Amino acid sequence: MLYSEYITPELLKDFQKKTGYKIKLEIYEAQEEMLAKLMTAKTGKYDVIIASDVVIQQMIHLGLIAPLNLSLIPNRVNVAQQFRNQKYDPTNAYSLPYLWGTTGILFRGEKIHPDSVSYSMLYDEKISKGSFSLLSESRSMLSMALQATGNSANSTKQSEINRAVEYILQIKQDLHFAGFENSVEGKAKVLSRMNSAAIVFNGEAQTAINEDSTLQFVIPKEGSFMWVDAMLLSSKASNIAGAYAFMNYILDAKVGANLAKSLNFATPNKASLEIIDDSFKNNRVINPNKQEINRMVFLTDLGEKEKLYDEAWMIIKTR
């Protein structure tokens, strides 16, 4: 189970040809949807889950994923050092990275220096060029609103979360607000000129830019967040051997390079980086520069405080 448009048909066919395992895909569009599916799934429904770093600790606590037998995934040695022993999985017992990326604003309009763009470009009448959408993931969107209002993306202070809620509610009142969309939908509507801007993941942004070079993608000056999507083993998996075969396949140097270049996301695979061309590695949309990285953070697991975000999102969606 993984996000939509997050693997190519060619890779699926190649995996089956090389291993004999046939993959049945199930798609989700937001982390909340993925968790709900896992919690109600019967044994054997899912083997591999690709999920964002911010929900991995929650999945461990809920018993949704099982520890990995890393000896059965020899290509794990290709994982770059900076993607090992992260807070979301300190001992690398449960996860192996799939791709990594950023979240920002895809927009159509006059050329703007990427280090000078604010979230206000979405709704400020002096800057805004038309309709726009926000991201449909609760934690992601609230964290961006926290940064837009000058606070930590991982805040657990009720007053700061309340301010983020009011910020989004104000945006919802804007006549140009077109709703909450997942990243793929947001990208598609900007590309089709239905909307002029959307908050999307950088891979979707680059895919759109490849089709229309007048589009731009920026990390707002107030900040945003980076993420790692990881491969996980379902605690109810029935084809465990197939799951390990898939993880090992993805971590192959050539496959990892193909995956990254096909989807326009950055790779955590050091062996893949050695064979990827410089134009891809130097692409600022896919691989942010130092200034952009400095104004981004990783979202962290908030434990019981996560309910503050759930309650806040309910207010946002019902008003």
Protein backbone atom coordinates (compact mmCIF):
# COMPACT_ATOMS: atom_id res chain seq x y z
CA MET A 1 0.00 0.00 0.00
CA LEU A 2 1.38 3.38 -1.01
CA TYR A 3 0.54 6.88 -2.22
CA SER A 4 -0.93 7.18 -5.71
CA GLU A 5 1.50 7.62 -8.62
CA TYR A 6 4.37 6.48 -6.39
CA ILE A 7 5.79 3.62 -8.46
CA THR A 8 5.94 3.06 -12.20
CA PRO A 9 4.29 0.17 -14.10
CA GLU A 10 7.69 -0.59 -15.63
CA LEU A 11 9.24 -1.20 -12.21
CA LEU A 12 6.34 -3.43 -11.18
CA LYS A 13 6.81 -5.55 -14.31
CA ASP A 14 10.57 -5.69 -13.81
CA PHE A 15 10.15 -6.77 -10.17
CA GLN A 16 7.81 -9.59 -11.19
CA LYS A 17 10.15 -10.69 -13.97
CA LYS A 18 13.18 -10.81 -11.66
CA THR A 19 11.53 -12.32 -8.55
CA GLY A 20 8.38 -14.10 -9.71
CA TYR A 21 6.26 -12.14 -7.24
CA LYS A 22 3.26 -10.25 -8.62
CA ILE A 23 2.31 -7.06 -6.80
CA LYS A 24 -1.25 -6.03 -6.06
CA LEU A 25 -1.30 -2.31 -5.35
CA GLU A 26 -3.63 -0.49 -3.00
CA ILE A 27 -3.51 3.30 -3.05
CA TYR A 28 -4.08 5.90 -0.36
CA GLU A 29 -4.03 9.69 -0.57
CA ALA A 30 -3.45 10.77 3.05
CA GLN A 31 -1.79 9.29 6.13
CA GLU A 32 -5.10 9.21 8.02
CA GLU A 33 -6.64 7.06 5.30
CA MET A 34 -3.68 4.67 5.35
CA LEU A 35 -3.85 4.20 9.13
CA ALA A 36 -7.61 3.58 9.01
CA LYS A 37 -7.15 0.91 6.32
CA LEU A 38 -4.44 -0.86 8.30
CA MET A 39 -6.38 -0.86 11.55
CA THR A 40 -9.38 -2.56 9.92
CA ALA A 41 -7.45 -4.89 7.61
CA LYS A 42 -7.67 -8.65 7.84
CA THR A 43 -4.57 -10.83 8.09
CA GLY A 44 -2.80 -11.06 4.75
CA LYS A 45 -4.41 -7.96 3.26
CA TYR A 46 -1.13 -6.00 3.12
CA ASP A 47 2.51 -7.09 3.11
CA VAL A 48 4.49 -3.89 2.44
CA ILE A 49 3.38 -0.41 3.43
CA ILE A 50 5.12 2.74 2.27
CA ALA A 51 4.44 5.46 4.81
CA SER A 52 5.84 8.80 5.91
CA ASP A 53 8.36 9.05 8.73
CA VAL A 54 6.03 11.06 10.99
CA VAL A 55 3.57 8.17 11.45
CA ILE A 56 6.05 5.31 11.93
CA GLN A 57 6.26 5.55 15.73
CA GLN A 58 2.47 5.62 15.91
CA MET A 59 2.30 2.53 13.71
CA ILE A 60 4.77 0.74 15.99
CA HIS A 61 2.74 1.61 19.10
CA LEU A 62 -0.47 0.44 17.41
CA GLY A 63 1.13 -2.86 16.46
CA LEU A 64 0.54 -2.27 12.75
CA ILE A 65 4.07 -3.07 11.61
CA ALA A 66 6.62 -5.75 12.49
CA PRO A 67 10.41 -5.61 12.97
CA LEU A 68 12.45 -6.38 9.86
CA ASN A 69 14.85 -9.26 9.44
CA LEU A 70 17.56 -7.11 7.87
CA SER A 71 19.71 -10.14 7.01
CA LEU A 72 17.16 -10.92 4.29
CA ILE A 73 17.60 -7.47 2.70
CA PRO A 74 21.28 -7.37 1.64
CA ASN A 75 20.84 -4.16 -0.37
CA ARG A 76 20.20 -2.33 2.90
CA VAL A 77 23.90 -1.45 2.78
CA ASN A 78 23.04 1.06 0.04
CA VAL A 79 21.11 3.31 2.43
CA ALA A 80 23.02 6.57 2.88
CA GLN A 81 24.29 7.28 6.39
CA GLN A 82 22.06 10.33 6.96
CA PHE A 83 18.97 8.14 6.56
CA ARG A 84 20.03 5.67 9.24
CA ASN A 85 19.20 5.83 12.96
CA GLN A 86 16.65 8.61 12.56
CA LYS A 87 14.29 9.60 15.38
CA TYR A 88 11.34 7.88 13.73
CA ASP A 89 13.23 4.54 13.88
CA PRO A 90 16.39 4.95 16.01
CA THR A 91 17.68 1.40 15.55
CA ASN A 92 16.46 0.88 11.98
CA ALA A 93 14.47 -2.08 13.25
CA TYR A 94 11.22 -1.32 11.40
CA SER A 95 11.93 0.71 8.29
CA LEU A 96 14.06 1.20 5.21
CA PRO A 97 13.82 4.45 3.21
CA TYR A 98 12.03 4.54 -0.14
CA LEU A 99 12.31 8.19 -1.25
CA TRP A 100 12.59 11.56 0.44
CA GLY A 101 11.33 15.00 -0.38
CA THR A 102 9.93 18.36 0.59
CA THR A 103 6.60 20.19 0.64
CA GLY A 104 6.09 23.65 -0.80
CA ILE A 105 4.09 25.83 -3.18
CA LEU A 106 3.66 25.10 -6.88
CA PHE A 107 2.41 28.18 -8.70
CA ARG A 108 1.88 29.87 -12.01
CA GLY A 109 2.92 33.51 -12.36
CA GLU A 110 5.76 35.91 -12.88
CA LYS A 111 9.24 34.75 -11.94
CA ILE A 112 9.94 35.22 -8.22
CA HIS A 113 13.22 34.60 -6.39
CA PRO A 114 12.63 31.29 -4.57
CA ASP A 115 14.07 32.56 -1.28
CA SER A 116 11.63 35.46 -1.05
CA VAL A 117 8.25 33.74 -1.33
CA SER A 118 5.84 33.75 1.61
CA TYR A 119 2.73 31.68 2.30
CA SER A 120 0.85 34.95 1.88
CA MET A 121 1.33 34.68 -1.87
CA LEU A 122 -1.61 32.26 -1.85
CA TYR A 123 -4.16 34.74 -0.53
CA ASP A 124 -2.67 38.25 -0.61
CA GLU A 125 -4.72 40.22 -3.18
CA LYS A 126 -1.61 42.14 -4.24
CA ILE A 127 0.23 38.92 -5.11
CA SER A 128 -2.33 36.15 -5.63
CA LYS A 129 -3.10 35.32 -9.26
CA GLY A 130 -6.18 33.13 -8.78
CA SER A 131 -7.57 30.02 -7.12
CA PHE A 132 -5.40 27.84 -4.89
CA SER A 133 -5.65 24.65 -2.84
CA LEU A 134 -4.17 23.52 0.47
CA LEU A 135 -2.86 20.04 1.28
CA SER A 136 -5.44 17.55 2.57
CA GLU A 137 -3.18 15.96 5.22
CA SER A 138 -3.95 17.20 8.73
CA ARG A 139 -0.49 17.09 10.34
CA SER A 140 1.23 18.44 7.25
CA MET A 141 -1.12 21.37 6.77
CA LEU A 142 -1.27 22.32 10.46
CA SER A 143 2.52 22.19 10.70
CA MET A 144 2.86 24.55 7.75
CA ALA A 145 0.29 26.88 9.33
CA LEU A 146 2.31 26.82 12.56
CA GLN A 147 5.41 27.89 10.63
CA ALA A 148 3.47 30.53 8.71
CA THR A 149 2.43 32.06 12.05
CA GLY A 150 5.99 32.04 13.41
CA ASN A 151 5.91 28.89 15.52
CA SER A 152 7.51 25.44 15.53
CA ALA A 153 6.11 22.89 13.07
CA ASN A 154 6.16 20.40 15.96
CA SER A 155 4.52 22.65 18.55
CA THR A 156 2.35 21.08 21.26
CA LYS A 157 1.27 24.40 22.76
CA GLN A 158 -2.50 24.74 22.56
CA SER A 159 -2.33 28.51 22.02
CA GLU A 160 -0.01 28.12 19.02
CA ILE A 161 -2.11 25.33 17.51
CA ASN A 162 -5.21 27.50 17.99
CA ARG A 163 -3.49 30.30 16.10
CA ALA A 164 -2.67 27.89 13.26
CA VAL A 165 -6.33 26.84 13.15
CA GLU A 166 -7.45 30.46 12.89
CA TYR A 167 -4.88 31.05 10.15
CA ILE A 168 -6.31 28.22 8.03
CA LEU A 169 -9.91 29.21 8.79
CA GLN A 170 -9.13 32.72 7.56
CA ILE A 171 -7.69 31.28 4.35
CA LYS A 172 -10.84 29.20 3.89
CA GLN A 173 -12.84 32.42 3.76
CA ASP A 174 -10.83 33.69 0.80
CA LEU A 175 -12.88 33.73 -2.41
CA HIS A 176 -9.98 32.09 -4.25
CA PHE A 177 -9.71 29.13 -1.85
CA ALA A 178 -10.49 26.02 -3.93
CA GLY A 179 -10.43 23.41 -1.16
CA PHE A 180 -8.13 20.77 0.28
CA GLU A 181 -6.47 18.45 -2.25
CA ASN A 182 -3.92 15.68 -2.13
CA SER A 183 -0.61 16.49 -3.81
CA VAL A 184 -1.40 14.73 -7.09
CA GLU A 185 -4.75 16.51 -7.44
CA GLY A 186 -3.24 19.86 -6.51
CA LYS A 187 -0.52 19.46 -9.12
CA ALA A 188 -3.00 18.44 -11.81
CA LYS A 189 -5.24 21.45 -11.26
CA VAL A 190 -2.34 23.91 -11.46
CA LEU A 191 -1.07 22.20 -14.60
CA SER A 192 -4.53 22.37 -16.21
CA ARG A 193 -4.86 26.07 -15.21
CA MET A 194 -7.90 25.31 -13.09
CA ASN A 195 -5.96 26.71 -10.12
CA SER A 196 -2.98 29.04 -10.05
CA ALA A 197 -1.26 27.56 -6.98
CA ALA A 198 -1.25 24.53 -4.67
CA ILE A 199 0.68 23.12 -1.75
CA VAL A 200 2.27 19.93 -3.09
CA PHE A 201 5.20 17.56 -2.67
CA ASN A 202 8.27 18.44 -4.70
CA GLY A 203 8.10 15.36 -6.93
CA GLU A 204 4.64 16.29 -8.18
CA ALA A 205 5.90 19.85 -8.67
CA GLN A 206 8.81 18.73 -10.83
CA THR A 207 6.53 16.47 -12.88
CA ALA A 208 4.33 19.50 -13.57
CA ILE A 209 7.34 21.71 -14.39
CA ASN A 210 8.55 19.09 -16.86
CA GLU A 211 5.26 19.60 -18.73
CA ASP A 212 5.09 23.37 -18.29
CA SER A 213 8.40 25.13 -17.66
CA THR A 214 6.66 28.40 -16.69
CA LEU A 215 5.56 26.84 -13.39
CA GLN A 216 7.64 27.38 -10.23
CA PHE A 217 8.08 25.54 -6.94
CA VAL A 218 9.29 27.21 -3.76
CA ILE A 219 9.90 26.49 -0.09
CA PRO A 220 8.25 29.48 1.68
CA LYS A 221 10.58 31.73 3.64
CA GLU A 222 8.66 31.01 6.88
CA GLY A 223 9.68 27.36 6.55
CA SER A 224 8.32 23.96 5.62
CA PHE A 225 9.24 20.35 6.30
CA MET A 226 11.22 17.51 4.79
CA TRP A 227 10.05 13.93 4.94
CA VAL A 228 11.23 10.40 4.34
CA ASP A 229 8.83 7.77 3.05
CA ALA A 230 9.83 4.35 4.26
CA MET A 231 9.12 0.71 3.46
CA LEU A 232 7.49 -1.16 6.33
CA LEU A 233 6.41 -4.76 6.96
CA SER A 234 2.78 -5.22 7.96
CA SER A 235 2.33 -7.08 11.24
CA LYS A 236 -0.40 -9.05 9.43
CA ALA A 237 1.68 -9.85 6.35
CA SER A 238 1.21 -13.27 4.77
CA ASN A 239 3.88 -13.10 2.04
CA ILE A 240 6.86 -12.06 4.13
CA ALA A 241 9.41 -13.43 1.67
CA GLY A 242 7.81 -11.38 -1.10
CA ALA A 243 7.88 -8.29 1.09
CA TYR A 244 11.61 -8.65 1.71
CA ALA A 245 12.21 -9.30 -1.99
CA PHE A 246 10.44 -6.03 -2.83
CA MET A 247 12.43 -4.01 -0.29
CA ASN A 248 15.69 -5.48 -1.52
CA TYR A 249 14.70 -4.78 -5.13
CA ILE A 250 13.94 -1.10 -4.44
CA LEU A 251 17.31 -0.67 -2.71
CA ASP A 252 19.23 -1.94 -5.74
CA ALA A 253 21.42 0.86 -7.14
CA LYS A 254 19.95 0.90 -10.66
CA VAL A 255 16.36 0.40 -9.48
CA GLY A 256 16.71 3.16 -6.88
CA ALA A 257 18.06 5.54 -9.54
CA ASN A 258 15.24 4.62 -11.92
CA LEU A 259 12.63 5.10 -9.19
CA ALA A 260 13.95 8.54 -8.22
CA LYS A 261 14.27 9.83 -11.78
CA SER A 262 10.89 8.44 -12.85
CA LEU A 263 9.03 10.07 -9.96
CA ASN A 264 11.21 13.19 -9.56
CA PHE A 265 11.94 12.62 -5.88
CA ALA A 266 15.31 12.47 -4.14
CA THR A 267 16.83 9.09 -3.36
CA PRO A 268 18.21 7.95 0.03
CA ASN A 269 20.26 5.33 -1.84
CA LYS A 270 23.97 6.21 -1.92
CA ALA A 271 24.66 3.63 -4.62
CA SER A 272 21.94 5.18 -6.80
CA LEU A 273 23.45 8.64 -6.35
CA GLU A 274 26.71 7.40 -7.82
CA ILE A 275 25.03 6.65 -11.16
CA ILE A 276 22.43 9.47 -11.31
CA ASP A 277 23.41 12.33 -13.63
CA ASP A 278 24.47 15.71 -12.25
CA SER A 279 21.51 17.57 -13.77
CA PHE A 280 19.15 15.55 -11.56
CA LYS A 281 21.32 15.92 -8.47
CA ASN A 282 21.64 19.68 -9.01
CA ASN A 283 17.92 20.23 -9.60
CA ARG A 284 16.82 22.58 -6.80
CA VAL A 285 13.22 21.35 -6.84
CA ILE A 286 14.23 17.73 -6.28
CA ASN A 287 17.33 18.31 -4.14
CA PRO A 288 16.95 21.53 -2.12
CA ASN A 289 19.98 23.73 -1.53
CA LYS A 290 21.52 24.56 1.83
CA GLN A 291 19.43 27.71 2.36
CA GLU A 292 16.20 25.80 1.76
CA ILE A 293 17.24 22.90 3.98
CA ASN A 294 18.05 25.36 6.77
CA ARG A 295 14.47 26.60 6.85
CA MET A 296 12.93 23.13 6.88
CA VAL A 297 12.47 20.59 9.66
CA PHE A 298 11.40 16.98 10.00
CA LEU A 299 8.03 16.45 11.66
CA THR A 300 8.32 14.39 14.84
CA ASP A 301 6.02 11.91 16.52
CA LEU A 302 4.05 13.74 19.22
CA GLY A 303 2.70 10.74 21.09
CA GLU A 304 -0.44 11.55 23.06
CA LYS A 305 -0.17 15.20 22.00
CA GLU A 306 -1.13 14.11 18.48
CA LYS A 307 -4.76 14.39 19.58
CA LEU A 308 -4.33 18.18 19.70
CA TYR A 309 -3.79 18.11 15.94
CA ASP A 310 -6.70 15.71 15.39
CA GLU A 311 -9.03 18.04 17.30
CA ALA A 312 -7.69 21.07 15.46
CA TRP A 313 -8.21 19.44 12.06
CA MET A 314 -11.78 18.54 12.96
CA ILE A 315 -12.48 22.20 13.67
CA ILE A 316 -10.93 23.22 10.37
CA LYS A 317 -12.88 20.70 8.30
CA THR A 318 -16.25 21.37 9.96
CA ARG A 319 -16.24 25.17 9.82
